[in-house]
């Protein structure tokens, strides 16, 4: 895992923990729901990160193909 990915996932995890703690303290969710919220949030963050990497790689590939000189 890259350093950037570790940092981003750490921030996301802390934001989800803060949000679920707030909801838990207000009595809007229970502890089990808090764990589900954290798990689902991390899963969605992983999917979003993976999708972003694939889109970026595809874009780089398209740019490289356009920049490549054509042979006769």
C-alpha atoms as a PDB file:
ATOM      1  CA  UNK A   1       0.000   0.000   0.000  1.00  0.00           C
ATOM      2  CA  UNK A   2       1.331   3.412  -0.860  1.00  0.00           C
ATOM      3  CA  UNK A   3       1.918   6.092   1.735  1.00  0.00           C
ATOM      4  CA  UNK A   4      -0.768   8.308   0.199  1.00  0.00           C
ATOM      5  CA  UNK A   5      -3.318   5.492   0.359  1.00  0.00           C
ATOM      6  CA  UNK A   6      -2.464   4.802   4.009  1.00  0.00           C
ATOM      7  CA  UNK A   7      -2.867   8.462   4.900  1.00  0.00           C
ATOM      8  CA  UNK A   8      -6.139   8.845   2.983  1.00  0.00           C
ATOM      9  CA  UNK A   9      -7.657   5.723   4.516  1.00  0.00           C
ATOM     10  CA  UNK A  10      -6.568   6.849   7.991  1.00  0.00           C
ATOM     11  CA  UNK A  11      -8.350  10.193   7.514  1.00  0.00           C
ATOM     12  CA  UNK A  12     -11.447   8.440   6.219  1.00  0.00           C
ATOM     13  CA  UNK A  13     -11.411   6.010   9.138  1.00  0.00           C
ATOM     14  CA  UNK A  14     -11.111   8.864  11.642  1.00  0.00           C
ATOM     15  CA  UNK A  15     -13.904  10.831   9.957  1.00  0.00           C
ATOM     16  CA  UNK A  16     -16.176   7.778  10.048  1.00  0.00           C
ATOM     17  CA  UNK A  17     -15.291   7.138  13.692  1.00  0.00           C
ATOM     18  CA  UNK A  18     -16.081  10.754  14.544  1.00  0.00           C
ATOM     19  CA  UNK A  19     -19.398  10.631  12.678  1.00  0.00           C
ATOM     20  CA  UNK A  20     -20.481   7.346  14.223  1.00  0.00           C
ATOM     21  CA  UNK A  21     -19.408   8.551  17.686  1.00  0.00           C
ATOM     22  CA  UNK A  22     -21.510  11.672  17.247  1.00  0.00           C
ATOM     23  CA  UNK A  23     -24.541   9.656  16.144  1.00  0.00           C
ATOM     24  CA  UNK A  24     -23.992   7.191  18.985  1.00  0.00           C
ATOM     25  CA  UNK A  25     -23.724   9.993  21.576  1.00  0.00           C
ATOM     26  CA  UNK A  26     -26.953  11.578  20.302  1.00  0.00           C
ATOM     27  CA  UNK A  27     -28.749   8.250  20.576  1.00  0.00           C
ATOM     28  CA  UNK A  28     -29.491   8.135  16.854  1.00  0.00           C
ATOM     29  CA  UNK A  29     -27.757   4.761  16.414  1.00  0.00           C
ATOM     30  CA  UNK A  30     -26.690   1.937  18.710  1.00  0.00           C
ATOM     31  CA  UNK A  31     -23.227   0.389  19.045  1.00  0.00           C
ATOM     32  CA  UNK A  32     -23.922  -2.385  16.519  1.00  0.00           C
ATOM     33  CA  UNK A  33     -25.085   0.175  13.955  1.00  0.00           C
ATOM     34  CA  UNK A  34     -21.940   2.184  14.622  1.00  0.00           C
ATOM     35  CA  UNK A  35     -19.781  -0.820  13.725  1.00  0.00           C
ATOM     36  CA  UNK A  36     -21.816  -1.400  10.571  1.00  0.00           C
ATOM     37  CA  UNK A  37     -21.443   2.272   9.611  1.00  0.00           C
ATOM     38  CA  UNK A  38     -17.661   2.112  10.046  1.00  0.00           C
ATOM     39  CA  UNK A  39     -17.357  -1.138   8.096  1.00  0.00           C
ATOM     40  CA  UNK A  40     -19.572   0.033   5.260  1.00  0.00           C
ATOM     41  CA  UNK A  41     -17.779   3.367   5.062  1.00  0.00           C
ATOM     42  CA  UNK A  42     -14.364   1.743   4.840  1.00  0.00           C
ATOM     43  CA  UNK A  43     -15.614  -0.684   2.194  1.00  0.00           C
ATOM     44  CA  UNK A  44     -17.008   2.194   0.124  1.00  0.00           C
ATOM     45  CA  UNK A  45     -13.782   4.146   0.544  1.00  0.00           C
ATOM     46  CA  UNK A  46     -11.821   1.146  -0.729  1.00  0.00           C
ATOM     47  CA  UNK A  47     -14.081   0.778  -3.757  1.00  0.00           C
ATOM     48  CA  UNK A  48     -13.854   4.506  -4.504  1.00  0.00           C
ATOM     49  CA  UNK A  49     -10.059   4.470  -4.177  1.00  0.00           C
ATOM     50  CA  UNK A  50      -9.752   1.434  -6.461  1.00  0.00           C
ATOM     51  CA  UNK A  51     -12.068   2.988  -9.049  1.00  0.00           C
ATOM     52  CA  UNK A  52     -10.093   6.223  -8.967  1.00  0.00           C
ATOM     53  CA  UNK A  53      -6.820   4.368  -9.530  1.00  0.00           C
ATOM     54  CA  UNK A  54      -8.256   2.440 -12.475  1.00  0.00           C
ATOM     55  CA  UNK A  55      -9.663   5.603 -14.069  1.00  0.00           C
ATOM     56  CA  UNK A  56      -6.322   7.395 -13.628  1.00  0.00           C
ATOM     57  CA  UNK A  57      -4.396   4.446 -15.090  1.00  0.00           C
ATOM     58  CA  UNK A  58      -6.762   4.316 -18.073  1.00  0.00           C
ATOM     59  CA  UNK A  59      -6.339   8.051 -18.641  1.00  0.00           C
ATOM     60  CA  UNK A  60      -2.548   7.716 -18.527  1.00  0.00           C
ATOM     61  CA  UNK A  61      -2.723   4.869 -21.026  1.00  0.00           C
ATOM     62  CA  UNK A  62      -4.862   6.931 -23.416  1.00  0.00           C
ATOM     63  CA  UNK A  63      -2.440   9.873 -23.163  1.00  0.00           C
ATOM     64  CA  UNK A  64       0.545   7.594 -23.777  1.00  0.00           C
ATOM     65  CA  UNK A  65      -1.122   6.065 -26.839  1.00  0.00           C
ATOM     66  CA  UNK A  66      -1.816   9.508 -28.303  1.00  0.00           C
ATOM     67  CA  UNK A  67       1.758  10.659 -27.658  1.00  0.00           C
ATOM     68  CA  UNK A  68       3.292   7.556 -29.256  1.00  0.00           C
ATOM     69  CA  UNK A  69       4.538   8.218 -32.818  1.00  0.00           C
ATOM     70  CA  UNK A  70       2.732   6.202 -35.453  1.00  0.00           C
ATOM     71  CA  UNK A  71       4.765   3.874 -37.587  1.00  0.00           C
ATOM     72  CA  UNK A  72       4.100   3.611 -41.306  1.00  0.00           C
END
